[in-house]
Amino acid sequence: MQLGRVLGTATATVKHPTFEGERLLVVQLESTAGKPDGEPVLVFDRLGAGRGDVVLVTNDGLALQEQIGRTTPGRWSVMGLPDRR
């Protein structure tokens, strides 16, 4: 699990069938110091995070497969929305 900040949403007209009806976010992962950590990732969101929100994400593909289907190529998903400081 890792913290990240939502940069925005992603839209695709052509996508894998398991992505249908799912909300996709572009999230910049952050280091423990709050600095960007690598390139932004595409994250599935069922919790309603918005632009600028801090989210707790996981790259546990099995957890995502249980939510949206065993054949999904997706990897990252939102696990929680931390309390605001």
PDB file of N, CA and C in Angstrom:
ATOM      1  N   MET A   1       0.835  -1.176   0.000  1.00  0.00           N
ATOM      2  CA  MET A   1       0.000   0.000   0.000  1.00  0.00           C
ATOM      3  C   MET A   1       0.878   1.235   0.000  1.00  0.00           C
ATOM      4  N   GLN A   2       0.343   2.274  -0.622  1.00  0.00           N
ATOM      5  CA  GLN A   2       1.103   3.502  -0.738  1.00  0.00           C
ATOM      6  C   GLN A   2       0.143   4.680  -0.834  1.00  0.00           C
ATOM      7  N   LEU A   3       0.589   5.829  -0.350  1.00  0.00           N
ATOM      8  CA  LEU A   3      -0.205   7.041  -0.484  1.00  0.00           C
ATOM      9  C   LEU A   3       0.056   7.689  -1.825  1.00  0.00           C
ATOM     10  N   GLY A   4      -0.963   8.328  -2.357  1.00  0.00           N
ATOM     11  CA  GLY A   4      -0.828   9.053  -3.612  1.00  0.00           C
ATOM     12  C   GLY A   4      -1.820  10.198  -3.641  1.00  0.00           C
ATOM     13  N   ARG A   5      -1.644  11.082  -4.617  1.00  0.00           N
ATOM     14  CA  ARG A   5      -2.552  12.223  -4.776  1.00  0.00           C
ATOM     15  C   ARG A   5      -3.222  12.116  -6.141  1.00  0.00           C
ATOM     16  N   VAL A   6      -4.548  12.316  -6.144  1.00  0.00           N
ATOM     17  CA  VAL A   6      -5.324  12.216  -7.382  1.00  0.00           C
ATOM     18  C   VAL A   6      -5.042  13.433  -8.255  1.00  0.00           C
ATOM     19  N   LEU A   7      -4.585  13.168  -9.487  1.00  0.00           N
ATOM     20  CA  LEU A   7      -4.328  14.238 -10.448  1.00  0.00           C
ATOM     21  C   LEU A   7      -5.570  14.529 -11.283  1.00  0.00           C
ATOM     22  N   GLY A   8      -6.389  13.507 -11.506  1.00  0.00           N
ATOM     23  CA  GLY A   8      -7.592  13.674 -12.315  1.00  0.00           C
ATOM     24  C   GLY A   8      -8.193  12.321 -12.656  1.00  0.00           C
ATOM     25  N   THR A   9      -9.142  12.332 -13.590  1.00  0.00           N
ATOM     26  CA  THR A   9      -9.783  11.088 -14.020  1.00  0.00           C
ATOM     27  C   THR A   9      -9.288  10.712 -15.404  1.00  0.00           C
ATOM     28  N   ALA A  10      -9.520   9.460 -15.780  1.00  0.00           N
ATOM     29  CA  ALA A  10      -9.154   8.970 -17.107  1.00  0.00           C
ATOM     30  C   ALA A  10     -10.416   8.474 -17.794  1.00  0.00           C
ATOM     31  N   THR A  11     -10.511   8.740 -19.087  1.00  0.00           N
ATOM     32  CA  THR A  11     -11.638   8.300 -19.893  1.00  0.00           C
ATOM     33  C   THR A  11     -11.108   7.561 -21.108  1.00  0.00           C
ATOM     34  N   ALA A  12     -11.769   6.445 -21.448  1.00  0.00           N
ATOM     35  CA  ALA A  12     -11.364   5.670 -22.620  1.00  0.00           C
ATOM     36  C   ALA A  12     -12.610   5.179 -23.343  1.00  0.00           C
ATOM     37  N   THR A  13     -12.655   5.357 -24.648  1.00  0.00           N
ATOM     38  CA  THR A  13     -13.804   4.871 -25.411  1.00  0.00           C
ATOM     39  C   THR A  13     -13.650   3.396 -25.748  1.00  0.00           C
ATOM     40  N   VAL A  14     -12.407   2.940 -25.857  1.00  0.00           N
ATOM     41  CA  VAL A  14     -12.136   1.529 -26.103  1.00  0.00           C
ATOM     42  C   VAL A  14     -11.336   1.023 -24.917  1.00  0.00           C
ATOM     43  N   LYS A  15     -11.856  -0.027 -24.262  1.00  0.00           N
ATOM     44  CA  LYS A  15     -11.188  -0.521 -23.062  1.00  0.00           C
ATOM     45  C   LYS A  15     -11.501  -1.991 -22.851  1.00  0.00           C
ATOM     46  N   HIS A  16     -10.774  -2.611 -21.961  1.00  0.00           N
ATOM     47  CA  HIS A  16     -11.002  -4.010 -21.609  1.00  0.00           C
ATOM     48  C   HIS A  16     -12.417  -4.129 -21.044  1.00  0.00           C
ATOM     49  N   PRO A  17     -13.129  -5.223 -21.341  1.00  0.00           N
ATOM     50  CA  PRO A  17     -14.517  -5.380 -20.857  1.00  0.00           C
ATOM     51  C   PRO A  17     -14.676  -5.232 -19.336  1.00  0.00           C
ATOM     52  N   THR A  18     -13.674  -5.610 -18.549  1.00  0.00           N
ATOM     53  CA  THR A  18     -13.800  -5.490 -17.094  1.00  0.00           C
ATOM     54  C   THR A  18     -13.718  -4.037 -16.626  1.00  0.00           C
ATOM     55  N   PHE A  19     -13.284  -3.132 -17.490  1.00  0.00           N
ATOM     56  CA  PHE A  19     -13.197  -1.712 -17.133  1.00  0.00           C
ATOM     57  C   PHE A  19     -14.538  -0.995 -17.302  1.00  0.00           C
ATOM     58  N   GLU A  20     -15.519  -1.623 -17.979  1.00  0.00           N
ATOM     59  CA  GLU A  20     -16.822  -0.998 -18.233  1.00  0.00           C
ATOM     60  C   GLU A  20     -17.497  -0.606 -16.919  1.00  0.00           C
ATOM     61  N   GLY A  21     -17.928   0.646 -16.836  1.00  0.00           N
ATOM     62  CA  GLY A  21     -18.637   1.132 -15.663  1.00  0.00           C
ATOM     63  C   GLY A  21     -17.764   1.437 -14.464  1.00  0.00           C
ATOM     64  N   GLU A  22     -16.461   1.273 -14.595  1.00  0.00           N
ATOM     65  CA  GLU A  22     -15.545   1.537 -13.484  1.00  0.00           C
ATOM     66  C   GLU A  22     -14.988   2.948 -13.587  1.00  0.00           C
ATOM     67  N   ARG A  23     -14.721   3.563 -12.450  1.00  0.00           N
ATOM     68  CA  ARG A  23     -14.138   4.901 -12.385  1.00  0.00           C
ATOM     69  C   ARG A  23     -12.625   4.767 -12.323  1.00  0.00           C
ATOM     70  N   LEU A  24     -11.948   5.456 -13.236  1.00  0.00           N
ATOM     71  CA  LEU A  24     -10.489   5.397 -13.307  1.00  0.00           C
ATOM     72  C   LEU A  24      -9.890   6.748 -12.949  1.00  0.00           C
ATOM     73  N   LEU A  25      -8.889   6.716 -12.077  1.00  0.00           N
ATOM     74  CA  LEU A  25      -8.190   7.927 -11.651  1.00  0.00           C
ATOM     75  C   LEU A  25      -6.729   7.864 -12.083  1.00  0.00           C
ATOM     76  N   VAL A  26      -6.159   9.021 -12.306  1.00  0.00           N
ATOM     77  CA  VAL A  26      -4.718   9.142 -12.505  1.00  0.00           C
ATOM     78  C   VAL A  26      -4.160   9.607 -11.159  1.00  0.00           C
ATOM     79  N   VAL A  27      -3.280   8.787 -10.565  1.00  0.00           N
ATOM     80  CA  VAL A  27      -2.761   9.062  -9.228  1.00  0.00           C
ATOM     81  C   VAL A  27      -1.238   9.146  -9.253  1.00  0.00           C
ATOM     82  N   GLN A  28      -0.705  10.209  -8.644  1.00  0.00           N
ATOM     83  CA  GLN A  28       0.741  10.347  -8.477  1.00  0.00           C
ATOM     84  C   GLN A  28       1.107   9.764  -7.126  1.00  0.00           C
ATOM     85  N   LEU A  29       1.840   8.671  -7.134  1.00  0.00           N
ATOM     86  CA  LEU A  29       2.288   8.069  -5.882  1.00  0.00           C
ATOM     87  C   LEU A  29       3.275   9.003  -5.193  1.00  0.00           C
ATOM     88  N   GLU A  30       3.322   8.949  -3.856  1.00  0.00           N
ATOM     89  CA  GLU A  30       4.202   9.827  -3.092  1.00  0.00           C
ATOM     90  C   GLU A  30       5.098   9.023  -2.171  1.00  0.00           C
ATOM     91  N   SER A  31       6.313   9.526  -1.968  1.00  0.00           N
ATOM     92  CA  SER A  31       7.249   8.909  -1.031  1.00  0.00           C
ATOM     93  C   SER A  31       6.841   9.267   0.394  1.00  0.00           C
ATOM     94  N   THR A  32       7.543   8.713   1.357  1.00  0.00           N
ATOM     95  CA  THR A  32       7.244   9.025   2.762  1.00  0.00           C
ATOM     96  C   THR A  32       7.478  10.503   3.079  1.00  0.00           C
ATOM     97  N   ALA A  33       8.292  11.155   2.263  1.00  0.00           N
ATOM     98  CA  ALA A  33       8.565  12.582   2.446  1.00  0.00           C
ATOM     99  C   ALA A  33       7.527  13.451   1.729  1.00  0.00           C
ATOM    100  N   GLY A  34       6.542  12.829   1.062  1.00  0.00           N
ATOM    101  CA  GLY A  34       5.518  13.581   0.350  1.00  0.00           C
ATOM    102  C   GLY A  34       5.922  14.035  -1.032  1.00  0.00           C
ATOM    103  N   LYS A  35       7.042  13.540  -1.530  1.00  0.00           N
ATOM    104  CA  LYS A  35       7.532  13.894  -2.873  1.00  0.00           C
ATOM    105  C   LYS A  35       7.018  12.875  -3.887  1.00  0.00           C
ATOM    106  N   PRO A  36       6.872  13.272  -5.166  1.00  0.00           N
ATOM    107  CA  PRO A  36       6.436  12.322  -6.195  1.00  0.00           C
ATOM    108  C   PRO A  36       7.365  11.104  -6.248  1.00  0.00           C
ATOM    109  N   ASP A  37       6.767   9.928  -6.429  1.00  0.00           N
ATOM    110  CA  ASP A  37       7.516   8.674  -6.465  1.00  0.00           C
ATOM    111  C   ASP A  37       7.201   7.953  -7.779  1.00  0.00           C
ATOM    112  N   GLY A  38       7.988   8.227  -8.807  1.00  0.00           N
ATOM    113  CA  GLY A  38       7.793   7.592 -10.095  1.00  0.00           C
ATOM    114  C   GLY A  38       6.724   8.277 -10.932  1.00  0.00           C
ATOM    115  N   GLU A  39       6.297   7.573 -11.986  1.00  0.00           N
ATOM    116  CA  GLU A  39       5.291   8.084 -12.905  1.00  0.00           C
ATOM    117  C   GLU A  39       3.890   7.864 -12.324  1.00  0.00           C
ATOM    118  N   PRO A  40       2.918   8.703 -12.714  1.00  0.00           N
ATOM    119  CA  PRO A  40       1.538   8.483 -12.258  1.00  0.00           C
ATOM    120  C   PRO A  40       1.021   7.117 -12.719  1.00  0.00           C
ATOM    121  N   VAL A  41       0.060   6.569 -11.980  1.00  0.00           N
ATOM    122  CA  VAL A  41      -0.524   5.261 -12.304  1.00  0.00           C
ATOM    123  C   VAL A  41      -2.035   5.410 -12.477  1.00  0.00           C
ATOM    124  N   LEU A  42      -2.615   4.460 -13.213  1.00  0.00           N
ATOM    125  CA  LEU A  42      -4.055   4.393 -13.422  1.00  0.00           C
ATOM    126  C   LEU A  42      -4.654   3.525 -12.319  1.00  0.00           C
ATOM    127  N   VAL A  43      -5.624   4.069 -11.580  1.00  0.00           N
ATOM    128  CA  VAL A  43      -6.149   3.420 -10.384  1.00  0.00           C
ATOM    129  C   VAL A  43      -7.676   3.308 -10.475  1.00  0.00           C
ATOM    130  N   PHE A  44      -8.210   2.151 -10.112  1.00  0.00           N
ATOM    131  CA  PHE A  44      -9.654   1.955 -10.053  1.00  0.00           C
ATOM    132  C   PHE A  44     -10.171   2.514  -8.734  1.00  0.00           C
ATOM    133  N   ASP A  45     -11.311   3.238  -8.801  1.00  0.00           N
ATOM    134  CA  ASP A  45     -11.839   3.881  -7.594  1.00  0.00           C
ATOM    135  C   ASP A  45     -13.325   3.606  -7.443  1.00  0.00           C
ATOM    136  N   ARG A  46     -13.685   3.009  -6.322  1.00  0.00           N
ATOM    137  CA  ARG A  46     -15.091   2.810  -5.971  1.00  0.00           C
ATOM    138  C   ARG A  46     -15.472   3.580  -4.719  1.00  0.00           C
ATOM    139  N   LEU A  47     -14.565   4.461  -4.253  1.00  0.00           N
ATOM    140  CA  LEU A  47     -14.820   5.208  -3.019  1.00  0.00           C
ATOM    141  C   LEU A  47     -15.148   6.679  -3.252  1.00  0.00           C
ATOM    142  N   GLY A  48     -15.027   7.155  -4.486  1.00  0.00           N
ATOM    143  CA  GLY A  48     -15.408   8.528  -4.790  1.00  0.00           C
ATOM    144  C   GLY A  48     -14.356   9.584  -4.541  1.00  0.00           C
ATOM    145  N   ALA A  49     -13.098   9.256  -4.696  1.00  0.00           N
ATOM    146  CA  ALA A  49     -12.026  10.254  -4.522  1.00  0.00           C
ATOM    147  C   ALA A  49     -12.093  11.284  -5.646  1.00  0.00           C
ATOM    148  N   GLY A  50     -11.645  12.490  -5.345  1.00  0.00           N
ATOM    149  CA  GLY A  50     -11.655  13.570  -6.325  1.00  0.00           C
ATOM    150  C   GLY A  50     -10.281  14.167  -6.523  1.00  0.00           C
ATOM    151  N   ARG A  51     -10.180  15.028  -7.517  1.00  0.00           N
ATOM    152  CA  ARG A  51      -8.918  15.694  -7.836  1.00  0.00           C
ATOM    153  C   ARG A  51      -8.347  16.371  -6.589  1.00  0.00           C
ATOM    154  N   GLY A  52      -7.065  16.117  -6.326  1.00  0.00           N
ATOM    155  CA  GLY A  52      -6.385  16.717  -5.189  1.00  0.00           C
ATOM    156  C   GLY A  52      -6.465  15.899  -3.908  1.00  0.00           C
ATOM    157  N   ASP A  53      -7.346  14.902  -3.865  1.00  0.00           N
ATOM    158  CA  ASP A  53      -7.474  14.065  -2.665  1.00  0.00           C
ATOM    159  C   ASP A  53      -6.265  13.154  -2.495  1.00  0.00           C
ATOM    160  N   VAL A  54      -5.930  12.880  -1.245  1.00  0.00           N
ATOM    161  CA  VAL A  54      -4.914  11.882  -0.919  1.00  0.00           C
ATOM    162  C   VAL A  54      -5.644  10.554  -0.792  1.00  0.00           C
ATOM    163  N   VAL A  55      -5.100   9.510  -1.427  1.00  0.00           N
ATOM    164  CA  VAL A  55      -5.718   8.187  -1.397  1.00  0.00           C
ATOM    165  C   VAL A  55      -4.695   7.141  -0.986  1.00  0.00           C
ATOM    166  N   LEU A  56      -5.179   6.084  -0.370  1.00  0.00           N
ATOM    167  CA  LEU A  56      -4.361   4.924  -0.043  1.00  0.00           C
ATOM    168  C   LEU A  56      -4.630   3.899  -1.136  1.00  0.00           C
ATOM    169  N   VAL A  57      -3.599   3.538  -1.895  1.00  0.00           N
ATOM    170  CA  VAL A  57      -3.765   2.629  -3.025  1.00  0.00           C
ATOM    171  C   VAL A  57      -2.960   1.355  -2.815  1.00  0.00           C
ATOM    172  N   THR A  58      -3.359   0.312  -3.515  1.00  0.00           N
ATOM    173  CA  THR A  58      -2.645  -0.956  -3.472  1.00  0.00           C
ATOM    174  C   THR A  58      -2.443  -1.457  -4.891  1.00  0.00           C
ATOM    175  N   ASN A  59      -1.357  -2.164  -5.114  1.00  0.00           N
ATOM    176  CA  ASN A  59      -1.126  -2.785  -6.417  1.00  0.00           C
ATOM    177  C   ASN A  59      -1.331  -4.296  -6.327  1.00  0.00           C
ATOM    178  N   ASP A  60      -2.159  -4.716  -5.369  1.00  0.00           N
ATOM    179  CA  ASP A  60      -2.511  -6.118  -5.209  1.00  0.00           C
ATOM    180  C   ASP A  60      -3.532  -6.480  -6.292  1.00  0.00           C
ATOM    181  N   GLY A  61      -3.063  -7.056  -7.380  1.00  0.00           N
ATOM    182  CA  GLY A  61      -3.931  -7.406  -8.492  1.00  0.00           C
ATOM    183  C   GLY A  61      -5.027  -8.381  -8.106  1.00  0.00           C
ATOM    184  N   LEU A  62      -4.765  -9.274  -7.158  1.00  0.00           N
ATOM    185  CA  LEU A  62      -5.767 -10.250  -6.735  1.00  0.00           C
ATOM    186  C   LEU A  62      -6.975  -9.558  -6.100  1.00  0.00           C
ATOM    187  N   ALA A  63      -6.740  -8.541  -5.295  1.00  0.00           N
ATOM    188  CA  ALA A  63      -7.844  -7.793  -4.675  1.00  0.00           C
ATOM    189  C   ALA A  63      -8.722  -7.158  -5.752  1.00  0.00           C
ATOM    190  N   LEU A  64      -8.105  -6.603  -6.782  1.00  0.00           N
ATOM    191  CA  LEU A  64      -8.859  -5.981  -7.866  1.00  0.00           C
ATOM    192  C   LEU A  64      -9.605  -7.033  -8.683  1.00  0.00           C
ATOM    193  N   GLN A  65      -8.978  -8.181  -8.914  1.00  0.00           N
ATOM    194  CA  GLN A  65      -9.635  -9.255  -9.657  1.00  0.00           C
ATOM    195  C   GLN A  65     -10.901  -9.717  -8.944  1.00  0.00           C
ATOM    196  N   GLU A  66     -10.880  -9.760  -7.629  1.00  0.00           N
ATOM    197  CA  GLU A  66     -12.058 -10.170  -6.861  1.00  0.00           C
ATOM    198  C   GLU A  66     -13.184  -9.150  -6.992  1.00  0.00           C
ATOM    199  N   GLN A  67     -12.844  -7.881  -7.234  1.00  0.00           N
ATOM    200  CA  GLN A  67     -13.853  -6.831  -7.341  1.00  0.00           C
ATOM    201  C   GLN A  67     -14.448  -6.743  -8.743  1.00  0.00           C
ATOM    202  N   ILE A  68     -13.600  -6.789  -9.782  1.00  0.00           N
ATOM    203  CA  ILE A  68     -14.113  -6.507 -11.128  1.00  0.00           C
ATOM    204  C   ILE A  68     -13.950  -7.651 -12.121  1.00  0.00           C
ATOM    205  N   GLY A  69     -13.334  -8.751 -11.737  1.00  0.00           N
ATOM    206  CA  GLY A  69     -13.244  -9.895 -12.640  1.00  0.00           C
ATOM    207  C   GLY A  69     -11.856 -10.484 -12.734  1.00  0.00           C
ATOM    208  N   ARG A  70     -11.800 -11.804 -12.834  1.00  0.00           N
ATOM    209  CA  ARG A  70     -10.520 -12.534 -12.854  1.00  0.00           C
ATOM    210  C   ARG A  70      -9.664 -12.214 -14.074  1.00  0.00           C
ATOM    211  N   THR A  71     -10.264 -11.750 -15.148  1.00  0.00           N
ATOM    212  CA  THR A  71      -9.495 -11.521 -16.378  1.00  0.00           C
ATOM    213  C   THR A  71      -8.994 -10.096 -16.530  1.00  0.00           C
ATOM    214  N   THR A  72      -9.235  -9.250 -15.533  1.00  0.00           N
ATOM    215  CA  THR A  72      -8.848  -7.840 -15.675  1.00  0.00           C
ATOM    216  C   THR A  72      -7.325  -7.662 -15.745  1.00  0.00           C
ATOM    217  N   PRO A  73      -6.869  -6.789 -16.635  1.00  0.00           N
ATOM    218  CA  PRO A  73      -5.441  -6.460 -16.667  1.00  0.00           C
ATOM    219  C   PRO A  73      -5.096  -5.338 -15.683  1.00  0.00           C
ATOM    220  N   GLY A  74      -6.112  -4.794 -14.989  1.00  0.00           N
ATOM    221  CA  GLY A  74      -5.877  -3.727 -14.019  1.00  0.00           C
ATOM    222  C   GLY A  74      -5.058  -4.216 -12.839  1.00  0.00           C
ATOM    223  N   ARG A  75      -4.368  -3.299 -12.199  1.00  0.00           N
ATOM    224  CA  ARG A  75      -3.494  -3.667 -11.086  1.00  0.00           C
ATOM    225  C   ARG A  75      -3.733  -2.811  -9.845  1.00  0.00           C
ATOM    226  N   TRP A  76      -3.875  -1.498  -9.995  1.00  0.00           N
ATOM    227  CA  TRP A  76      -3.976  -0.583  -8.866  1.00  0.00           C
ATOM    228  C   TRP A  76      -5.428  -0.286  -8.513  1.00  0.00           C
ATOM    229  N   SER A  77      -5.719  -0.156  -7.210  1.00  0.00           N
ATOM    230  CA  SER A  77      -7.056   0.229  -6.770  1.00  0.00           C
ATOM    231  C   SER A  77      -6.974   1.045  -5.478  1.00  0.00           C
ATOM    232  N   VAL A  78      -7.985   1.890  -5.269  1.00  0.00           N
ATOM    233  CA  VAL A  78      -8.060   2.701  -4.051  1.00  0.00           C
ATOM    234  C   VAL A  78      -8.556   1.813  -2.917  1.00  0.00           C
ATOM    235  N   MET A  79      -7.797   1.799  -1.813  1.00  0.00           N
ATOM    236  CA  MET A  79      -8.157   1.017  -0.630  1.00  0.00           C
ATOM    237  C   MET A  79      -8.810   1.878   0.447  1.00  0.00           C
ATOM    238  N   GLY A  80      -8.486   3.168   0.440  1.00  0.00           N
ATOM    239  CA  GLY A  80      -9.041   4.033   1.472  1.00  0.00           C
ATOM    240  C   GLY A  80      -8.763   5.494   1.218  1.00  0.00           C
ATOM    241  N   LEU A  81      -9.497   6.323   1.930  1.00  0.00           N
ATOM    242  CA  LEU A  81      -9.332   7.777   1.883  1.00  0.00           C
ATOM    243  C   LEU A  81      -8.904   8.219   3.283  1.00  0.00           C
ATOM    244  N   PRO A  82      -7.631   8.558   3.467  1.00  0.00           N
ATOM    245  CA  PRO A  82      -7.159   8.952   4.798  1.00  0.00           C
ATOM    246  C   PRO A  82      -7.863  10.217   5.300  1.00  0.00           C
ATOM    247  N   ASP A  83      -7.953  10.350   6.619  1.00  0.00           N
ATOM    248  CA  ASP A  83      -8.512  11.561   7.221  1.00  0.00           C
ATOM    249  C   ASP A  83      -7.674  12.754   6.801  1.00  0.00           C
ATOM    250  N   ARG A  84      -8.332  13.872   6.661  1.00  0.00           N
ATOM    251  CA  ARG A  84      -7.610  15.100   6.301  1.00  0.00           C
ATOM    252  C   ARG A  84      -6.987  15.696   7.551  1.00  0.00           C
ATOM    253  N   ARG A  85      -5.831  16.338   7.383  1.00  0.00           N
ATOM    254  CA  ARG A  85      -5.120  16.960   8.509  1.00  0.00           C
ATOM    255  C   ARG A  85      -5.614  18.329   8.779  1.00  0.00           C
TER     256      ARG A  85
END
